[in-house]
Amino acid sequence: MKKGPRSKTHIIAETGAITGYLRAGVAKSDITNRAKGALIRDPLYAKALVLDDGWTKAAIIAMDTTAIGGRRISQRILNDGGEEFLPDLRRRIQKELKIPGSHVLVNASHTHPPGRLLCSDDEQVDRVLDAVSRAVRNMTAVKVGVGAGHEDRITINRTLRLKNGKHWTIRHSNPCPPDDEVAGVGPIDPEIGIIRIDRLDGRPLAVVYNFACHPLFGDARGAITANFPGGASRVIEENLGRGAMALFLQGAGGDIIDVFFKDFNRPRDIEPLGVILGLSTLKAWRKIRTGPARLRVLSETIKLPRRTDIPKRIVALEWEQAEILESLRSTSLNFKSFLPLYLKYALSPDHPADYSYRYFQTEKIGSDELAAMDSFNRRHIDKYLRNIRVMEKLVRIRENIATLQKHQAINRASGAATIPAEIQGIQIGGCVLITSPAELLVEVGLNVKKASPYEHTFVAAFSNGYMHYGPPAAAYSKGGYEVTECLLAPQWQRIFEQKAKEIIRRL
C-alpha cells in the first residue's frame, strides 16, 4: 500500500471536519421510465456519494443504466443517455454545489433491458443533481476502509478459445460453437473491490463495491430492471439497515457474462445471482477496518486512435463465407428425411435399418445390402450434420460483417482519426479508482490492477462517457464479437494503460 495521508491541521474550520477524517453524504433518486405502458420489474436509481476532506471535493454517481452518453455513438441502440447529459450535469454540479466537474464520476451499471429505461433527458439531469444536492446537505464525518471480496461462481468469460486459435463469443445473436472445437475459456476478474464508509459512531453510511460483470437480459418479459447488481445492492442495504446505501460500480466486464446466460432449460432468474454477489460483498465488508483517509482526484482526456483495418477484415470474412458456402453443395437430405434417419442411426448404431436378426441373416447368405445401405445413409447424415455447422458459422460471419460495416460507418461519419476519452483517477484512503469510457475487456482491467503500486486498485469502466468495446490488441486477429463491435485501433490499449498507470502514480 502507498504511504498514508499527509498531515493536516487540527480542525478545518470551514467544514468542521476532524483531523484526517473525510466528510461524506449519500442520497438517491428514482430515474425509472414510468411512462404509461412501461413494464417495470424493479426501479432504477442514480445513487450519489459526495466526499470532502476540506481541500478536495468529489462526487461518485452510480446509475442503473446501460451507458453514459451512448446515444449517438450507438446509433440510438443505447438510446437513454444523450451526449449532453454528462456535461450538463457536471456544469450544474460545479455551479450550484461547488464540486469541480472534473471531480464527478458517473458510472453505468450496464443493465440491458430492451426499450426505454430512463426518464426524459431533462428529468435525468434534474433528478441526478437532486441526489447529489441532498448528499451534500446530509454530509457527516466518516471513517473509511478498503478491502476486497471474491466471487467466481456467477461469471464466465463469454469469448471462448477455439482449438484453431480463434475466438467465438457466446451470444444470443449467434449459436455457440461445436463442443469439439472449443479449447477453453478466458479469464474472469473475481475480485469485488469494496470501499467501506462508516459514520464516526460505527454506523454504516455507504458501501461502494466494484465488480466486473455484464448484466444482460434481466427479465424474460423485457421489463425494466436494475438486473442482478440491483439485487445485490438490495441485499447489502437490507442487511446493513439504518439507511446505509450500496453503490455498484461496473468493472472491466466487456467480455464477462453470467454463467446461466444461455441456459434454455430454466426460466431466466437474476435474483440468485444478486443474492450471491450481495452476500459475498457483505462477507468481505465485515472484515474491513475503517479510519482516517485522504481524497485526491485527477482527470485527463486523451485521444485514442480509431481503427482503419475494418475493410480488410470484412474482405477476409467474405472470403471465409464464400469458402464455406461452397461446402454446402451436393446435399441430398432435407430436414424431413434427415431427422428420422439420424434418430435411427443414433438409437442403434450397429443395426439401424432393422432388427439384428436381419443383419445376421443377410450375413449368413453372403449379402451386404444392409451394410451398403447403412454406409450410404451415414455419408448423407454426416454431410447434413456438417451443413448444420456451416449454417451456424455463417450466422456468426454475417453478424460480424454487419457489425463491422456499422462501425466503419460510425468512424467515417465522425470525420476524425481519434476519439476523446476521459481517464479519471480517484484516491480514497488506501485505494485508487481508475475509469474508462470503454467497455473494457477483463484482461485490460487486470493489466491496470497489476501495474498499480496500490494494494487495492479498482477499475470502473463504462464511466464518464461511452465508446463501445476496448479489447486487448492481441485479440483483434482472433475474431471475437468484442473486436468487431469496436471503434478503436489496437494501439488504444497501450495508450490507455500507460495513461492509467501515470495517473495512478501521480495520485
Protein backbone atom coordinates (compact mmCIF):
# COMPACT_ATOMS: atom_id res chain seq x y z
CA MET A 1 0.00 0.00 0.00
CA LYS A 2 1.19 3.54 -0.68
CA LYS A 3 2.05 5.91 2.12
CA GLY A 4 -0.82 7.21 4.23
CA PRO A 5 -2.43 10.65 4.22
CA ARG A 6 -0.41 13.81 4.58
CA SER A 7 -0.59 15.62 7.93
CA LYS A 8 -3.38 18.17 8.32
CA THR A 9 -4.29 20.92 10.71
CA HIS A 10 -6.20 20.09 13.85
CA ILE A 11 -9.55 21.45 12.73
CA ILE A 12 -10.75 22.52 9.29
CA ALA A 13 -12.93 25.48 10.19
CA GLU A 14 -14.97 25.74 7.01
CA THR A 15 -16.15 22.11 7.14
CA GLY A 16 -15.89 21.21 10.80
CA ALA A 17 -14.01 18.03 9.80
CA ILE A 18 -11.96 16.21 12.40
CA THR A 19 -8.29 15.74 11.58
CA GLY A 20 -7.78 13.25 8.77
CA TYR A 21 -11.42 12.21 8.55
CA LEU A 22 -13.46 12.69 5.41
CA ARG A 23 -16.97 14.03 5.38
CA ALA A 24 -19.46 12.13 3.25
CA GLY A 25 -23.10 12.15 2.30
CA VAL A 26 -25.34 9.87 0.26
CA ALA A 27 -28.70 10.13 -1.48
CA LYS A 28 -30.51 8.53 -4.39
CA SER A 29 -33.13 9.44 -6.98
CA ASP A 30 -35.51 7.21 -8.93
CA ILE A 31 -34.69 7.58 -12.65
CA THR A 32 -37.02 4.86 -13.98
CA ASN A 33 -39.05 5.36 -17.12
CA ARG A 34 -42.57 5.35 -15.68
CA ALA A 35 -44.40 6.27 -18.88
CA LYS A 36 -47.75 4.62 -19.47
CA GLY A 37 -47.26 1.05 -20.64
CA ALA A 38 -43.73 0.68 -19.25
CA LEU A 39 -43.24 -2.75 -17.68
CA ILE A 40 -41.17 -2.40 -14.51
CA ARG A 41 -39.66 -5.32 -12.59
CA ASP A 42 -37.73 -3.12 -10.16
CA PRO A 43 -36.84 0.58 -10.10
CA LEU A 44 -33.67 2.16 -11.46
CA TYR A 45 -31.70 4.61 -9.34
CA ALA A 46 -29.00 7.21 -9.53
CA LYS A 47 -27.08 6.93 -6.26
CA ALA A 48 -24.75 9.72 -5.21
CA LEU A 49 -21.84 9.69 -2.77
CA VAL A 50 -20.18 13.04 -2.05
CA LEU A 51 -16.80 13.18 -0.34
CA ASP A 52 -14.91 16.15 1.12
CA ASP A 53 -11.60 16.26 3.02
CA GLY A 54 -11.54 20.04 3.38
CA TRP A 55 -9.31 20.55 0.35
CA THR A 56 -10.86 18.26 -2.23
CA LYS A 57 -14.47 17.50 -3.05
CA ALA A 58 -15.67 14.67 -5.26
CA ALA A 59 -18.94 13.03 -6.25
CA ILE A 60 -19.37 9.39 -7.27
CA ILE A 61 -22.64 8.65 -9.04
CA ALA A 62 -23.73 5.07 -9.75
CA MET A 63 -26.53 4.86 -12.32
CA ASP A 64 -28.70 1.89 -13.24
CA THR A 65 -28.44 2.38 -16.99
CA THR A 66 -26.67 0.89 -19.99
CA ALA A 67 -24.30 3.71 -20.91
CA ILE A 68 -23.40 7.30 -20.10
CA GLY A 69 -23.92 9.33 -23.26
CA GLY A 70 -24.07 6.45 -25.74
CA ARG A 71 -26.98 7.57 -27.89
CA ARG A 72 -25.20 9.00 -30.92
CA ILE A 73 -22.23 6.65 -30.97
CA SER A 74 -24.50 3.59 -30.79
CA GLN A 75 -26.83 4.94 -33.48
CA ARG A 76 -29.60 5.15 -30.87
CA ILE A 77 -29.38 1.47 -29.90
CA LEU A 78 -28.41 2.67 -26.40
CA ASN A 79 -30.96 5.44 -26.51
CA ASP A 80 -31.33 6.52 -22.89
CA GLY A 81 -28.32 8.71 -22.28
CA GLY A 82 -27.72 11.64 -24.60
CA GLU A 83 -24.27 13.12 -25.15
CA GLU A 84 -25.35 16.32 -23.38
CA PHE A 85 -26.21 14.55 -20.11
CA LEU A 86 -22.73 14.38 -18.57
CA PRO A 87 -21.52 17.89 -19.47
CA ASP A 88 -24.86 19.41 -18.40
CA LEU A 89 -24.82 17.54 -15.10
CA ARG A 90 -21.22 18.43 -14.34
CA ARG A 91 -21.79 22.07 -15.23
CA ARG A 92 -24.74 22.35 -12.85
CA ILE A 93 -22.96 20.46 -10.05
CA GLN A 94 -19.98 22.78 -10.35
CA LYS A 95 -22.12 25.92 -10.47
CA GLU A 96 -24.67 25.02 -7.80
CA LEU A 97 -22.71 22.76 -5.45
CA LYS A 98 -19.13 23.97 -5.94
CA ILE A 99 -17.81 20.50 -6.78
CA PRO A 100 -15.47 20.68 -9.80
CA GLY A 101 -16.98 18.98 -12.83
CA SER A 102 -13.77 17.01 -13.37
CA HIS A 103 -14.24 15.57 -9.85
CA VAL A 104 -17.59 13.97 -10.76
CA LEU A 105 -17.52 10.27 -11.64
CA VAL A 106 -20.63 8.86 -13.32
CA ASN A 107 -20.69 5.09 -13.83
CA ALA A 108 -23.24 2.99 -15.73
CA SER A 109 -24.12 -0.43 -14.34
CA HIS A 110 -24.68 -1.53 -17.97
CA THR A 111 -28.04 -3.19 -17.36
CA HIS A 112 -29.62 -4.24 -20.66
CA PRO A 113 -33.42 -4.36 -20.77
CA PRO A 114 -34.81 -3.57 -24.24
CA GLY A 115 -36.59 -0.30 -24.86
CA ARG A 116 -36.52 2.95 -22.93
CA LEU A 117 -35.12 2.58 -19.41
CA LEU A 118 -34.88 6.07 -18.02
CA CYS A 119 -36.99 9.16 -17.55
CA SER A 120 -36.65 12.02 -20.05
CA ASP A 121 -33.32 13.73 -20.72
CA ASP A 122 -34.16 16.86 -18.70
CA GLU A 123 -35.52 14.80 -15.82
CA GLN A 124 -32.35 12.70 -15.74
CA VAL A 125 -30.17 15.76 -15.12
CA ASP A 126 -32.62 17.23 -12.58
CA ARG A 127 -33.02 14.00 -10.61
CA VAL A 128 -29.33 13.13 -10.51
CA LEU A 129 -28.49 16.70 -9.48
CA ASP A 130 -31.13 16.45 -6.76
CA ALA A 131 -29.50 13.28 -5.40
CA VAL A 132 -26.09 14.98 -5.30
CA SER A 133 -27.60 18.09 -3.66
CA ARG A 134 -29.23 16.04 -0.91
CA ALA A 135 -25.99 14.11 -0.40
CA VAL A 136 -24.18 17.45 0.14
CA ARG A 137 -26.78 18.57 2.68
CA ASN A 138 -26.52 15.27 4.57
CA MET A 139 -22.74 15.17 4.92
CA THR A 140 -21.17 13.93 8.12
CA ALA A 141 -17.71 12.95 9.34
CA VAL A 142 -16.86 9.37 8.38
CA LYS A 143 -14.27 6.65 8.70
CA VAL A 144 -13.14 4.84 5.55
CA GLY A 145 -11.75 1.39 4.93
CA VAL A 146 -10.86 -0.56 1.82
CA GLY A 147 -10.83 -4.25 1.07
CA ALA A 148 -11.73 -6.91 -1.45
CA GLY A 149 -14.08 -9.84 -1.68
CA HIS A 150 -14.06 -12.80 -4.04
CA GLU A 151 -16.81 -14.22 -6.21
CA ASP A 152 -16.11 -16.68 -9.04
CA ARG A 153 -19.34 -18.70 -9.16
CA ILE A 154 -21.60 -16.44 -11.20
CA THR A 155 -19.49 -15.20 -14.14
CA ILE A 156 -17.70 -16.66 -17.16
CA ASN A 157 -15.63 -15.17 -19.96
CA ARG A 158 -18.01 -15.27 -22.92
CA THR A 159 -15.25 -15.25 -25.54
CA LEU A 160 -14.42 -18.91 -25.98
CA ARG A 161 -10.93 -20.00 -27.03
CA LEU A 162 -11.06 -22.34 -30.03
CA LYS A 163 -8.58 -25.06 -30.95
CA ASN A 164 -7.73 -23.23 -34.19
CA GLY A 165 -6.51 -20.21 -32.21
CA LYS A 166 -9.57 -18.06 -32.93
CA HIS A 167 -12.24 -16.68 -30.59
CA TRP A 168 -16.00 -17.32 -30.63
CA THR A 169 -18.28 -15.26 -28.41
CA ILE A 170 -21.31 -16.64 -26.57
CA ARG A 171 -24.24 -14.52 -27.77
CA HIS A 172 -27.94 -14.87 -28.43
CA SER A 173 -27.31 -13.44 -31.91
CA ASN A 174 -25.30 -16.49 -32.96
CA PRO A 175 -25.09 -20.18 -31.99
CA CYS A 176 -22.36 -21.48 -29.72
CA PRO A 177 -19.50 -23.32 -31.45
CA PRO A 178 -19.42 -27.14 -31.58
CA ASP A 179 -18.06 -28.55 -28.34
CA ASP A 180 -15.24 -30.39 -30.08
CA GLU A 181 -13.86 -27.08 -31.44
CA VAL A 182 -13.59 -25.39 -28.03
CA ALA A 183 -10.18 -25.43 -26.33
CA GLY A 184 -11.08 -23.49 -23.20
CA VAL A 185 -12.37 -20.28 -21.64
CA GLY A 186 -10.71 -16.97 -20.94
CA PRO A 187 -10.06 -15.20 -17.63
CA ILE A 188 -12.52 -13.51 -15.30
CA ASP A 189 -11.88 -11.00 -12.54
CA PRO A 190 -13.43 -12.45 -9.38
CA GLU A 191 -12.39 -9.54 -7.17
CA ILE A 192 -15.09 -7.44 -5.51
CA GLY A 193 -13.44 -4.12 -4.74
CA ILE A 194 -15.04 -2.60 -1.62
CA ILE A 195 -14.89 0.86 -0.05
CA ARG A 196 -16.50 0.85 3.40
CA ILE A 197 -17.70 4.22 4.69
CA ASP A 198 -18.98 4.40 8.28
CA ARG A 199 -20.13 7.26 10.46
CA LEU A 200 -17.79 8.03 13.35
CA ASP A 201 -20.06 6.09 15.71
CA GLY A 202 -19.61 2.99 13.55
CA ARG A 203 -22.98 3.01 11.80
CA PRO A 204 -22.58 2.15 8.09
CA LEU A 205 -23.21 5.03 5.70
CA ALA A 206 -22.19 3.65 2.30
CA VAL A 207 -20.68 0.62 0.62
CA VAL A 208 -19.09 1.19 -2.78
CA TYR A 209 -18.45 -2.13 -4.50
CA ASN A 210 -16.81 -2.74 -7.87
CA PHE A 211 -17.24 -5.96 -9.84
CA ALA A 212 -16.68 -7.00 -13.46
CA CYS A 213 -19.86 -8.43 -14.97
CA HIS A 214 -22.27 -7.91 -17.86
CA PRO A 215 -25.93 -7.62 -16.74
CA LEU A 216 -27.71 -8.83 -19.88
CA PHE A 217 -31.41 -9.65 -20.27
CA GLY A 218 -32.56 -9.46 -16.69
CA ASP A 219 -36.24 -10.24 -17.32
CA ALA A 220 -37.76 -12.68 -19.82
CA ARG A 221 -40.70 -10.30 -20.40
CA GLY A 222 -38.40 -7.43 -21.32
CA ALA A 223 -39.27 -5.50 -18.16
CA ILE A 224 -37.17 -2.62 -16.84
CA THR A 225 -34.77 -3.89 -14.19
CA ALA A 226 -31.52 -2.96 -12.45
CA ASN A 227 -30.59 -6.61 -13.03
CA PHE A 228 -28.55 -8.65 -10.57
CA PRO A 229 -26.30 -5.74 -9.45
CA GLY A 230 -29.52 -4.03 -8.35
CA GLY A 231 -30.46 -7.19 -6.48
CA ALA A 232 -27.03 -7.31 -4.85
CA SER A 233 -27.41 -3.71 -3.68
CA ARG A 234 -30.78 -4.52 -2.11
CA VAL A 235 -29.25 -7.48 -0.26
CA ILE A 236 -26.46 -5.26 1.08
CA GLU A 237 -28.78 -2.43 2.12
CA GLU A 238 -31.36 -4.71 3.75
CA ASN A 239 -28.67 -6.47 5.78
CA LEU A 240 -26.94 -3.29 6.92
CA GLY A 241 -30.12 -1.26 7.51
CA ARG A 242 -30.04 2.17 9.19
CA GLY A 243 -30.12 4.00 5.88
CA ALA A 244 -26.89 2.55 4.52
CA MET A 245 -26.55 2.84 0.75
CA ALA A 246 -24.84 0.41 -1.63
CA LEU A 247 -23.34 1.87 -4.81
CA PHE A 248 -22.38 -0.59 -7.55
CA LEU A 249 -19.58 0.42 -9.91
CA GLN A 250 -19.27 -1.69 -13.03
CA GLY A 251 -15.79 -3.10 -13.66
CA ALA A 252 -13.90 -4.29 -16.73
CA GLY A 253 -16.66 -6.68 -17.74
CA GLY A 254 -16.79 -6.25 -21.52
CA ASP A 255 -16.30 -9.96 -22.19
CA ILE A 256 -17.89 -11.28 -18.99
CA ILE A 257 -21.41 -12.74 -18.71
CA ASP A 258 -23.28 -14.70 -16.07
CA VAL A 259 -22.87 -18.47 -16.28
CA PHE A 260 -26.59 -19.03 -16.95
CA PHE A 261 -26.76 -16.52 -19.81
CA LYS A 262 -27.53 -19.14 -22.46
CA ASP A 263 -29.38 -21.72 -20.37
CA PHE A 264 -32.51 -22.82 -22.27
CA ASN A 265 -33.63 -25.32 -19.63
CA ARG A 266 -34.82 -22.96 -16.89
CA PRO A 267 -36.60 -19.62 -16.68
CA ARG A 268 -34.16 -16.72 -16.51
CA ASP A 269 -33.85 -15.64 -12.87
CA ILE A 270 -31.40 -12.92 -11.87
CA GLU A 271 -32.34 -12.95 -8.18
CA PRO A 272 -29.96 -15.76 -7.10
CA LEU A 273 -27.06 -14.00 -8.87
CA GLY A 274 -27.79 -10.81 -6.95
CA VAL A 275 -28.05 -12.65 -3.65
CA ILE A 276 -24.71 -14.38 -4.20
CA LEU A 277 -22.93 -11.15 -5.17
CA GLY A 278 -24.51 -9.23 -2.31
CA LEU A 279 -23.64 -11.82 0.33
CA SER A 280 -20.06 -12.17 -0.95
CA THR A 281 -19.68 -8.40 -0.70
CA LEU A 282 -21.01 -8.37 2.86
CA LYS A 283 -18.72 -11.23 3.87
CA ALA A 284 -15.67 -9.18 2.87
CA TRP A 285 -17.14 -5.89 4.14
CA ARG A 286 -17.30 -7.23 7.70
CA LYS A 287 -13.51 -7.73 7.75
CA ILE A 288 -12.65 -4.17 6.68
CA ARG A 289 -11.38 -1.78 9.33
CA THR A 290 -12.06 1.93 8.97
CA GLY A 291 -10.21 5.09 9.92
CA PRO A 292 -8.97 8.44 8.56
CA ALA A 293 -8.48 8.75 4.81
CA ARG A 294 -7.23 11.12 2.18
CA LEU A 295 -9.02 12.15 -1.03
CA ARG A 296 -7.39 13.08 -4.32
CA VAL A 297 -8.77 13.36 -7.87
CA LEU A 298 -7.03 13.60 -11.24
CA SER A 299 -8.70 13.64 -14.63
CA GLU A 300 -7.24 13.82 -18.13
CA THR A 301 -8.73 13.48 -21.60
CA ILE A 302 -6.62 11.56 -24.08
CA LYS A 303 -7.13 10.75 -27.74
CA LEU A 304 -7.50 7.13 -28.74
CA PRO A 305 -6.98 6.14 -32.41
CA ARG A 306 -9.91 4.94 -34.47
CA ARG A 307 -9.38 1.69 -36.30
CA THR A 308 -8.59 1.66 -40.02
CA ASP A 309 -8.49 -2.12 -40.61
CA ILE A 310 -12.22 -2.73 -41.00
CA PRO A 311 -12.30 -3.02 -44.85
CA LYS A 312 -9.54 -5.65 -44.72
CA ARG A 313 -11.38 -7.64 -42.06
CA ILE A 314 -14.65 -7.52 -43.99
CA VAL A 315 -12.89 -8.89 -47.08
CA ALA A 316 -11.39 -11.73 -45.04
CA LEU A 317 -14.81 -12.64 -43.65
CA GLU A 318 -16.38 -12.55 -47.11
CA TRP A 319 -13.71 -14.94 -48.40
CA GLU A 320 -14.38 -17.27 -45.46
CA GLN A 321 -18.10 -17.04 -46.15
CA ALA A 322 -17.65 -17.95 -49.84
CA GLU A 323 -15.43 -20.88 -48.98
CA ILE A 324 -17.83 -22.49 -46.53
CA LEU A 325 -20.82 -21.77 -48.75
CA GLU A 326 -19.16 -23.88 -51.42
CA SER A 327 -19.08 -26.82 -48.99
CA LEU A 328 -22.90 -26.89 -48.94
CA ARG A 329 -23.08 -28.36 -52.47
CA SER A 330 -24.21 -31.94 -53.12
CA THR A 331 -26.64 -32.20 -50.24
CA SER A 332 -29.27 -34.92 -50.70
CA LEU A 333 -31.26 -34.82 -47.46
CA ASN A 334 -33.68 -32.22 -46.21
CA PHE A 335 -34.68 -31.91 -42.56
CA LYS A 336 -37.75 -34.15 -43.05
CA SER A 337 -35.60 -37.03 -44.29
CA PHE A 338 -32.59 -36.28 -42.10
CA LEU A 339 -34.28 -36.37 -38.68
CA PRO A 340 -35.77 -39.93 -38.80
CA LEU A 341 -32.55 -41.29 -40.28
CA TYR A 342 -30.44 -39.56 -37.67
CA LEU A 343 -32.60 -40.89 -34.82
CA LYS A 344 -32.46 -44.45 -36.18
CA TYR A 345 -28.70 -44.42 -36.53
CA ALA A 346 -28.22 -42.77 -33.14
CA LEU A 347 -30.60 -45.22 -31.42
CA SER A 348 -28.99 -48.35 -32.84
CA PRO A 349 -25.58 -47.65 -34.39
CA ASP A 350 -24.85 -51.34 -35.09
CA HIS A 351 -28.23 -52.34 -36.56
CA PRO A 352 -30.04 -49.14 -37.62
CA ALA A 353 -32.06 -50.44 -40.59
CA ASP A 354 -33.89 -53.30 -38.88
CA TYR A 355 -33.70 -55.87 -36.09
CA SER A 356 -30.33 -57.50 -35.55
CA TYR A 357 -31.55 -60.86 -36.84
CA ARG A 358 -31.99 -59.34 -40.32
CA TYR A 359 -28.32 -58.43 -40.31
CA PHE A 360 -27.35 -61.93 -39.13
CA GLN A 361 -29.43 -63.45 -41.89
CA THR A 362 -28.02 -61.30 -44.69
CA GLU A 363 -24.51 -62.05 -43.45
CA LYS A 364 -25.29 -65.76 -43.42
CA ILE A 365 -26.41 -65.78 -47.05
CA GLY A 366 -23.50 -63.61 -48.19
CA SER A 367 -25.47 -60.43 -48.84
CA ASP A 368 -24.14 -56.98 -47.98
CA GLU A 369 -27.18 -54.92 -48.98
CA LEU A 370 -27.99 -53.69 -45.45
CA ALA A 371 -24.38 -52.76 -44.74
CA ALA A 372 -24.15 -50.94 -48.07
CA MET A 373 -27.37 -49.04 -47.36
CA ASP A 374 -26.08 -48.08 -43.92
CA SER A 375 -22.84 -46.78 -45.38
CA PHE A 376 -24.78 -44.73 -47.93
CA ASN A 377 -27.09 -43.27 -45.28
CA ARG A 378 -24.27 -42.47 -42.87
CA ARG A 379 -22.48 -40.44 -45.53
CA HIS A 380 -25.60 -38.34 -46.08
CA ILE A 381 -26.25 -37.94 -42.35
CA ASP A 382 -22.66 -36.79 -41.80
CA LYS A 383 -22.98 -34.37 -44.72
CA TYR A 384 -26.16 -32.87 -43.27
CA LEU A 385 -24.54 -32.51 -39.84
CA ARG A 386 -21.59 -30.71 -41.45
CA ASN A 387 -24.07 -28.43 -43.18
CA ILE A 388 -25.60 -27.54 -39.80
CA ARG A 389 -22.16 -26.49 -38.57
CA VAL A 390 -21.71 -24.44 -41.71
CA MET A 391 -25.06 -22.73 -41.13
CA GLU A 392 -24.05 -21.86 -37.56
CA LYS A 393 -20.75 -20.41 -38.74
CA LEU A 394 -22.50 -18.44 -41.49
CA VAL A 395 -24.82 -16.83 -38.94
CA ARG A 396 -21.80 -15.63 -36.98
CA ILE A 397 -19.97 -14.41 -40.08
CA ARG A 398 -22.99 -12.45 -41.30
CA GLU A 399 -23.38 -10.87 -37.84
CA ASN A 400 -19.71 -9.91 -37.78
CA ILE A 401 -19.78 -8.42 -41.28
CA ALA A 402 -22.87 -6.33 -40.46
CA THR A 403 -21.32 -5.15 -37.18
CA LEU A 404 -18.04 -4.18 -38.84
CA GLN A 405 -19.91 -2.29 -41.54
CA LYS A 406 -21.87 -0.39 -38.89
CA HIS A 407 -18.72 0.63 -37.04
CA GLN A 408 -16.96 1.55 -40.24
CA ALA A 409 -19.85 3.93 -40.99
CA ILE A 410 -19.68 5.41 -37.47
CA ASN A 411 -15.94 6.06 -37.78
CA ARG A 412 -16.30 7.56 -41.25
CA ALA A 413 -19.17 9.81 -40.18
CA SER A 414 -17.10 11.16 -37.30
CA GLY A 415 -14.61 12.72 -39.67
CA ALA A 416 -11.91 12.26 -37.03
CA ALA A 417 -8.95 9.92 -36.67
CA THR A 418 -9.25 9.76 -32.88
CA ILE A 419 -11.86 9.51 -30.12
CA PRO A 420 -11.53 11.61 -26.94
CA ALA A 421 -11.56 9.51 -23.78
CA GLU A 422 -11.56 10.80 -20.21
CA ILE A 423 -9.42 8.85 -17.78
CA GLN A 424 -10.15 9.74 -14.16
CA GLY A 425 -8.37 8.62 -11.04
CA ILE A 426 -9.79 8.97 -7.53
CA GLN A 427 -7.79 8.03 -4.45
CA ILE A 428 -9.92 7.27 -1.40
CA GLY A 429 -7.86 6.13 1.53
CA GLY A 430 -5.88 3.05 0.57
CA CYS A 431 -7.40 2.51 -2.86
CA VAL A 432 -7.49 4.07 -6.28
CA LEU A 433 -10.42 4.08 -8.68
CA ILE A 434 -9.41 4.39 -12.33
CA THR A 435 -12.06 4.93 -15.02
CA SER A 436 -12.58 4.34 -18.72
CA PRO A 437 -15.49 5.21 -21.00
CA ALA A 438 -14.96 2.00 -22.98
CA GLU A 439 -16.38 -1.45 -22.31
CA LEU A 440 -13.01 -2.71 -21.15
CA LEU A 441 -12.36 -6.40 -21.60
CA VAL A 442 -11.27 -8.13 -18.41
CA GLU A 443 -7.67 -8.62 -19.48
CA VAL A 444 -7.18 -4.86 -19.79
CA GLY A 445 -8.64 -4.28 -16.33
CA LEU A 446 -6.38 -6.94 -14.85
CA ASN A 447 -3.36 -5.30 -16.50
CA VAL A 448 -4.20 -1.95 -14.89
CA LYS A 449 -4.55 -3.56 -11.47
CA LYS A 450 -1.30 -5.48 -11.84
CA ALA A 451 0.65 -2.35 -12.82
CA SER A 452 -0.64 -0.28 -9.89
CA PRO A 453 1.53 0.27 -6.80
CA TYR A 454 -1.59 0.39 -4.63
CA GLU A 455 -2.72 -2.69 -2.75
CA HIS A 456 -6.25 -2.01 -3.92
CA THR A 457 -6.92 -0.67 -7.42
CA PHE A 458 -10.46 -0.76 -8.75
CA VAL A 459 -11.29 -0.27 -12.43
CA ALA A 460 -14.59 1.45 -13.19
CA ALA A 461 -15.28 1.00 -16.90
CA PHE A 462 -18.46 2.38 -18.53
CA SER A 463 -17.69 5.69 -16.80
CA ASN A 464 -17.89 9.33 -17.90
CA GLY A 465 -18.85 8.53 -21.49
CA TYR A 466 -19.19 5.59 -23.85
CA MET A 467 -17.31 4.27 -26.89
CA HIS A 468 -18.17 0.56 -27.29
CA TYR A 469 -15.59 -2.16 -26.57
CA GLY A 470 -11.96 -1.86 -25.55
CA PRO A 471 -10.34 -5.23 -26.37
CA PRO A 472 -6.67 -6.18 -25.96
CA ALA A 473 -4.57 -5.57 -29.05
CA ALA A 474 -3.72 -9.29 -29.29
CA ALA A 475 -7.42 -10.17 -29.69
CA TYR A 476 -8.02 -8.26 -32.94
CA SER A 477 -6.89 -11.09 -35.21
CA LYS A 478 -8.92 -13.73 -33.37
CA GLY A 479 -12.42 -12.73 -34.45
CA GLY A 480 -14.40 -12.43 -31.20
CA TYR A 481 -17.50 -10.25 -31.04
CA GLU A 482 -15.85 -7.55 -28.96
CA VAL A 483 -13.25 -6.81 -31.65
CA THR A 484 -15.99 -6.42 -34.27
CA GLU A 485 -18.16 -4.18 -32.04
CA CYS A 486 -15.17 -1.87 -31.66
CA LEU A 487 -14.26 1.59 -32.95
CA LEU A 488 -10.69 1.65 -31.66
CA ALA A 489 -7.42 0.68 -33.30
CA PRO A 490 -5.34 -1.93 -31.46
CA GLN A 491 -2.89 0.77 -30.34
CA TRP A 492 -5.55 2.16 -27.98
CA GLN A 493 -4.63 -0.41 -25.31
CA ARG A 494 -1.03 0.75 -24.90
CA ILE A 495 -2.08 4.43 -24.79
CA PHE A 496 -4.82 3.80 -22.23
CA GLU A 497 -2.79 1.57 -19.95
CA GLN A 498 0.15 4.00 -19.95
CA LYS A 499 -2.11 6.94 -19.07
CA ALA A 500 -3.89 4.94 -16.34
CA LYS A 501 -0.52 3.96 -14.86
CA GLU A 502 0.65 7.59 -14.97
CA ILE A 503 -2.47 8.91 -13.25
CA ILE A 504 -2.26 6.25 -10.54
CA ARG A 505 1.42 7.14 -9.97
CA ARG A 506 0.58 10.84 -9.62
CA LEU A 507 -2.20 10.32 -7.08
